[in-house]
Amino acid sequence: MSKIRIALIEDHDLTRVGIRTALLQKEEIEIVGEAANAAEGLKMLKTQQPDIAIVDIGLPDKDGIELTRELKSTSNGSELKTKVLILTLRDNKEAVLAAFAAGADSYCMKDIKFDNLLEAVRVTYNGNAWIDPAIARIVLQQAQQNPAKQDLVSLETRNNFNNSGTGEAQEHIDPYILTERELEVLQLIVEGCSNAVIAERLYITVGTVKTHVRNILNKLCADDRTQAAVRALRSGLVG
């Protein structure tokens, strides 16, 4: 099985080492390069062409949003191999929308748990967007608080959210479509919990969690956990 080739662009040495150490615990992942600023990072990405670039939004010479924009623009209309996963402490809506408008594929908070970071990497590698639940809430709140800008939200995020429903109005979802246990699982999905954590919280097996997740995706007509979480938040199924 081919490995997921990852490049890290992060100016804080300890953070970069921590991410590298955590990811290398999995044999499926290979770190192909590291950089501490945007200039070195862009050169590395063009040379190494990794599957995923994990990019800090707060680089010293140029922020991660601008780096993402420049990287995506180098494709000149051709298919760009490298996907961008923004890693940041910023959770304000301006930064979130700017990142996706620049072409970011996924967006995570720096305090993300390792299991969730690994899931984000896998989801991004498979061509889908992984959105931190806190960030999904921000985008939804932006659309709900300012309906006049809802089309803008849709325009800037539609492709990156992989049709997750964030940009367009969703049909009302009857809460009775899910069982009480499925609603509990869905709430934990929205909170960003992995299957293992959900199993621990609800005192059930991981296999049972996977069954519940599969049923939830089917009932919500969602392609993945992120899409299910966004639809659940938008429809008010969970808080």
Protein backbone atom coordinates (compact mmCIF):
# COMPACT_ATOMS: atom_id res chain seq x y z
CA MET A 1 0.00 0.00 0.00
CA SER A 2 1.37 3.41 -0.97
CA LYS A 3 2.09 5.77 1.89
CA ILE A 4 0.49 9.17 2.41
CA ARG A 5 3.28 11.64 1.67
CA ILE A 6 3.08 14.69 3.94
CA ALA A 7 5.01 17.96 4.13
CA LEU A 8 4.96 20.16 7.25
CA ILE A 9 5.17 23.94 7.07
CA GLU A 10 5.22 25.28 10.62
CA ASP A 11 7.49 27.91 12.16
CA HIS A 12 7.31 26.67 15.75
CA ASP A 13 9.91 23.93 16.09
CA LEU A 14 8.24 22.14 19.00
CA THR A 15 4.86 22.09 17.26
CA ARG A 16 6.40 20.79 14.05
CA VAL A 17 8.33 18.08 15.86
CA GLY A 18 5.22 17.10 17.80
CA ILE A 19 3.12 16.75 14.65
CA ARG A 20 5.86 14.81 12.87
CA THR A 21 6.36 12.46 15.82
CA ALA A 22 2.61 11.84 16.14
CA LEU A 23 2.05 11.16 12.44
CA LEU A 24 5.05 8.87 12.10
CA GLN A 25 3.47 6.52 14.61
CA LYS A 26 1.46 5.27 11.65
CA GLU A 27 3.26 3.23 9.00
CA GLU A 28 0.92 4.55 6.33
CA ILE A 29 2.41 8.05 6.65
CA GLU A 30 5.70 9.38 5.32
CA ILE A 31 7.06 12.87 6.07
CA VAL A 32 8.80 14.05 2.89
CA GLY A 33 9.84 17.53 3.98
CA GLU A 34 9.62 20.32 6.52
CA ALA A 35 9.89 24.09 6.38
CA ALA A 36 9.67 26.92 8.90
CA ASN A 37 8.45 29.66 6.54
CA ALA A 38 6.36 30.14 3.42
CA ALA A 39 9.23 30.80 1.00
CA GLU A 40 11.03 27.58 1.87
CA GLY A 41 7.70 25.79 2.07
CA LEU A 42 6.63 26.68 -1.47
CA LYS A 43 9.97 25.57 -2.89
CA MET A 44 9.73 22.30 -1.01
CA LEU A 45 6.16 21.65 -2.15
CA LYS A 46 7.02 22.25 -5.79
CA THR A 47 10.00 19.91 -5.52
CA GLN A 48 8.51 17.14 -3.38
CA GLN A 49 4.88 17.38 -4.56
CA PRO A 50 3.50 15.67 -1.43
CA ASP A 51 -0.02 14.33 -1.18
CA ILE A 52 -0.81 16.71 1.68
CA ALA A 53 0.76 19.90 2.96
CA ILE A 54 -0.03 20.66 6.61
CA VAL A 55 0.33 24.43 6.74
CA ASP A 56 0.34 26.74 9.75
CA ILE A 57 -1.75 29.82 9.11
CA GLY A 58 0.63 32.10 11.05
CA LEU A 59 3.95 31.82 9.20
CA PRO A 60 6.52 34.61 9.79
CA ASP A 61 7.06 35.77 6.20
CA LYS A 62 3.66 35.10 4.67
CA ASP A 63 0.52 33.62 6.19
CA GLY A 64 -0.67 30.13 5.34
CA ILE A 65 -3.67 31.50 3.46
CA GLU A 66 -1.48 33.37 0.98
CA LEU A 67 0.81 30.34 0.68
CA THR A 68 -2.22 28.21 -0.14
CA ARG A 69 -3.39 30.71 -2.75
CA GLU A 70 0.02 30.75 -4.42
CA LEU A 71 0.33 26.98 -4.34
CA LYS A 72 -3.09 26.46 -5.89
CA SER A 73 -2.42 29.10 -8.54
CA THR A 74 0.68 27.24 -9.76
CA SER A 75 -1.51 24.52 -11.19
CA ASN A 76 -2.45 26.79 -14.13
CA GLY A 77 -5.72 24.95 -14.53
CA SER A 78 -4.19 21.49 -14.36
CA GLU A 79 -4.95 18.95 -11.68
CA LEU A 80 -2.98 19.83 -8.55
CA LYS A 81 -1.79 16.84 -6.61
CA THR A 82 -1.00 18.48 -3.26
CA LYS A 83 -3.93 19.07 -0.94
CA VAL A 84 -3.70 21.67 1.83
CA LEU A 85 -4.68 21.09 5.43
CA ILE A 86 -4.60 24.38 7.35
CA LEU A 87 -3.61 24.04 11.00
CA THR A 88 -4.25 27.07 13.17
CA LEU A 89 -5.23 28.63 16.47
CA ARG A 90 -7.53 31.04 14.65
CA ASP A 91 -11.19 30.12 14.79
CA ASN A 92 -12.70 33.39 13.59
CA LYS A 93 -14.94 33.31 10.56
CA GLU A 94 -12.79 35.70 8.52
CA ALA A 95 -9.78 33.39 8.69
CA VAL A 96 -11.89 30.32 8.01
CA LEU A 97 -13.62 31.75 4.94
CA ALA A 98 -10.37 33.25 3.63
CA ALA A 99 -8.60 29.90 3.91
CA PHE A 100 -11.25 28.03 1.95
CA ALA A 101 -11.53 30.84 -0.59
CA ALA A 102 -7.77 30.48 -1.14
CA GLY A 103 -8.24 26.80 -1.92
CA ALA A 104 -7.57 25.02 1.38
CA ASP A 105 -8.93 21.47 1.36
CA SER A 106 -9.28 21.00 5.12
CA TYR A 107 -9.03 23.14 8.24
CA CYS A 108 -8.10 22.00 11.76
CA MET A 109 -7.47 23.67 15.07
CA LYS A 110 -4.00 23.24 16.59
CA ASP A 111 -5.43 21.70 19.72
CA ILE A 112 -6.89 18.85 17.68
CA LYS A 113 -6.43 15.41 19.20
CA PHE A 114 -4.06 13.05 17.40
CA ASP A 115 -6.82 10.60 16.43
CA ASN A 116 -8.75 13.44 14.82
CA LEU A 117 -5.66 14.80 13.06
CA LEU A 118 -5.01 11.36 11.63
CA GLU A 119 -8.64 11.16 10.49
CA ALA A 120 -8.33 14.62 8.93
CA VAL A 121 -5.23 13.48 7.02
CA ARG A 122 -6.95 10.33 5.75
CA VAL A 123 -10.15 12.16 4.74
CA THR A 124 -8.16 14.88 2.97
CA TYR A 125 -5.99 12.28 1.21
CA ASN A 126 -9.14 10.60 -0.10
CA GLY A 127 -10.26 13.83 -1.71
CA ASN A 128 -12.79 15.04 0.84
CA ALA A 129 -12.78 18.09 3.09
CA TRP A 130 -12.24 17.62 6.83
CA ILE A 131 -13.63 20.52 8.81
CA ASP A 132 -13.09 20.94 12.51
CA PRO A 133 -16.55 20.90 14.14
CA ALA A 134 -15.87 24.27 15.80
CA ILE A 135 -15.15 25.72 12.38
CA ALA A 136 -18.26 24.21 10.81
CA ARG A 137 -20.24 25.98 13.53
CA ILE A 138 -18.58 29.29 12.67
CA VAL A 139 -19.48 29.07 9.00
CA LEU A 140 -23.05 28.05 9.79
CA GLN A 141 -23.41 30.90 12.29
CA GLN A 142 -22.06 33.33 9.71
CA ALA A 143 -24.69 32.24 7.21
CA GLN A 144 -27.49 32.27 9.77
CA GLN A 145 -26.57 35.64 11.32
CA ASN A 146 -26.09 37.37 7.98
CA PRO A 147 -28.39 35.80 5.36
CA ALA A 148 -27.33 38.43 2.86
CA LYS A 149 -23.88 36.87 2.81
CA GLN A 150 -25.08 33.30 2.57
CA ASP A 151 -24.47 33.17 -1.18
CA LEU A 152 -20.90 34.36 -0.57
CA VAL A 153 -20.37 31.60 1.96
CA SER A 154 -21.70 29.10 -0.53
CA LEU A 155 -19.53 30.44 -3.34
CA GLU A 156 -16.34 30.40 -1.32
CA THR A 157 -16.82 27.05 0.37
CA ARG A 158 -18.96 24.87 -1.87
CA ASN A 159 -16.12 23.00 -3.55
CA ASN A 160 -13.94 22.73 -0.46
CA PHE A 161 -16.72 21.44 1.77
CA ASN A 162 -17.30 18.62 -0.73
CA ASN A 163 -21.04 19.30 -0.92
CA SER A 164 -21.27 19.08 2.86
CA GLY A 165 -24.33 21.31 2.86
CA THR A 166 -22.67 24.26 4.56
CA GLY A 167 -23.26 26.68 1.72
CA GLU A 168 -26.78 25.79 0.70
CA ALA A 169 -30.01 25.49 2.61
CA GLN A 170 -30.83 21.98 3.72
CA GLU A 171 -34.21 20.34 4.01
CA HIS A 172 -35.64 19.96 7.49
CA ILE A 173 -34.52 16.68 9.03
CA ASP A 174 -37.05 14.97 11.25
CA PRO A 175 -35.30 14.24 14.57
CA TYR A 176 -37.29 11.01 14.85
CA ILE A 177 -35.43 9.63 11.83
CA LEU A 178 -32.59 8.77 14.21
CA THR A 179 -32.78 6.59 17.28
CA GLU A 180 -31.82 8.01 20.66
CA ARG A 181 -28.50 6.17 20.52
CA GLU A 182 -27.79 7.42 17.00
CA LEU A 183 -28.41 10.98 18.18
CA GLU A 184 -25.89 10.42 20.98
CA VAL A 185 -23.34 9.15 18.48
CA LEU A 186 -24.08 12.05 16.13
CA GLN A 187 -23.53 14.57 18.93
CA LEU A 188 -20.10 13.07 19.61
CA ILE A 189 -19.28 13.10 15.89
CA VAL A 190 -20.07 16.82 15.84
CA GLU A 191 -17.73 17.26 18.81
CA GLY A 192 -14.97 15.68 16.75
CA CYS A 193 -14.71 12.38 18.62
CA SER A 194 -13.17 9.34 16.95
CA ASN A 195 -14.93 5.98 16.91
CA ALA A 196 -12.72 4.79 19.77
CA VAL A 197 -13.61 7.79 21.90
CA ILE A 198 -17.32 7.42 21.11
CA ALA A 199 -17.15 3.77 22.13
CA GLU A 200 -15.50 4.72 25.41
CA ARG A 201 -17.98 7.49 26.15
CA LEU A 202 -21.05 5.39 25.43
CA TYR A 203 -19.71 2.10 26.83
CA ILE A 204 -20.17 0.24 23.55
CA THR A 205 -17.77 -1.51 21.17
CA VAL A 206 -16.04 0.21 18.26
CA GLY A 207 -17.86 -2.19 15.94
CA THR A 208 -21.20 -1.02 17.31
CA VAL A 209 -20.11 2.59 16.83
CA LYS A 210 -19.25 1.89 13.19
CA THR A 211 -22.70 0.39 12.69
CA HIS A 212 -24.36 3.48 14.20
CA VAL A 213 -22.20 5.79 12.07
CA ARG A 214 -23.10 3.86 8.92
CA ASN A 215 -26.82 4.11 9.79
CA ILE A 216 -26.50 7.83 10.52
CA LEU A 217 -24.82 8.49 7.17
CA ASN A 218 -27.50 6.53 5.36
CA LYS A 219 -30.38 8.27 7.14
CA LEU A 220 -28.91 11.75 6.63
CA CYS A 221 -27.88 10.96 3.03
CA ALA A 222 -24.35 12.02 3.95
CA ASP A 223 -21.18 10.82 2.25
CA ASP A 224 -18.95 11.17 5.31
CA ARG A 225 -18.83 12.20 8.97
CA THR A 226 -18.12 15.86 8.21
CA GLN A 227 -21.13 16.13 5.93
CA ALA A 228 -23.30 14.45 8.56
CA ALA A 229 -22.03 16.83 11.26
CA VAL A 230 -22.72 19.92 9.18
CA ARG A 231 -26.22 18.75 8.24
CA ALA A 232 -26.94 17.89 11.87
CA LEU A 233 -25.85 21.36 13.02
CA ARG A 234 -27.70 23.15 10.27
CA SER A 235 -30.96 21.29 10.89
CA GLY A 236 -30.74 21.61 14.66
CA LEU A 237 -30.55 17.86 15.26
CA VAL A 238 -27.74 18.52 17.72
CA GLY A 239 -26.55 21.63 19.51
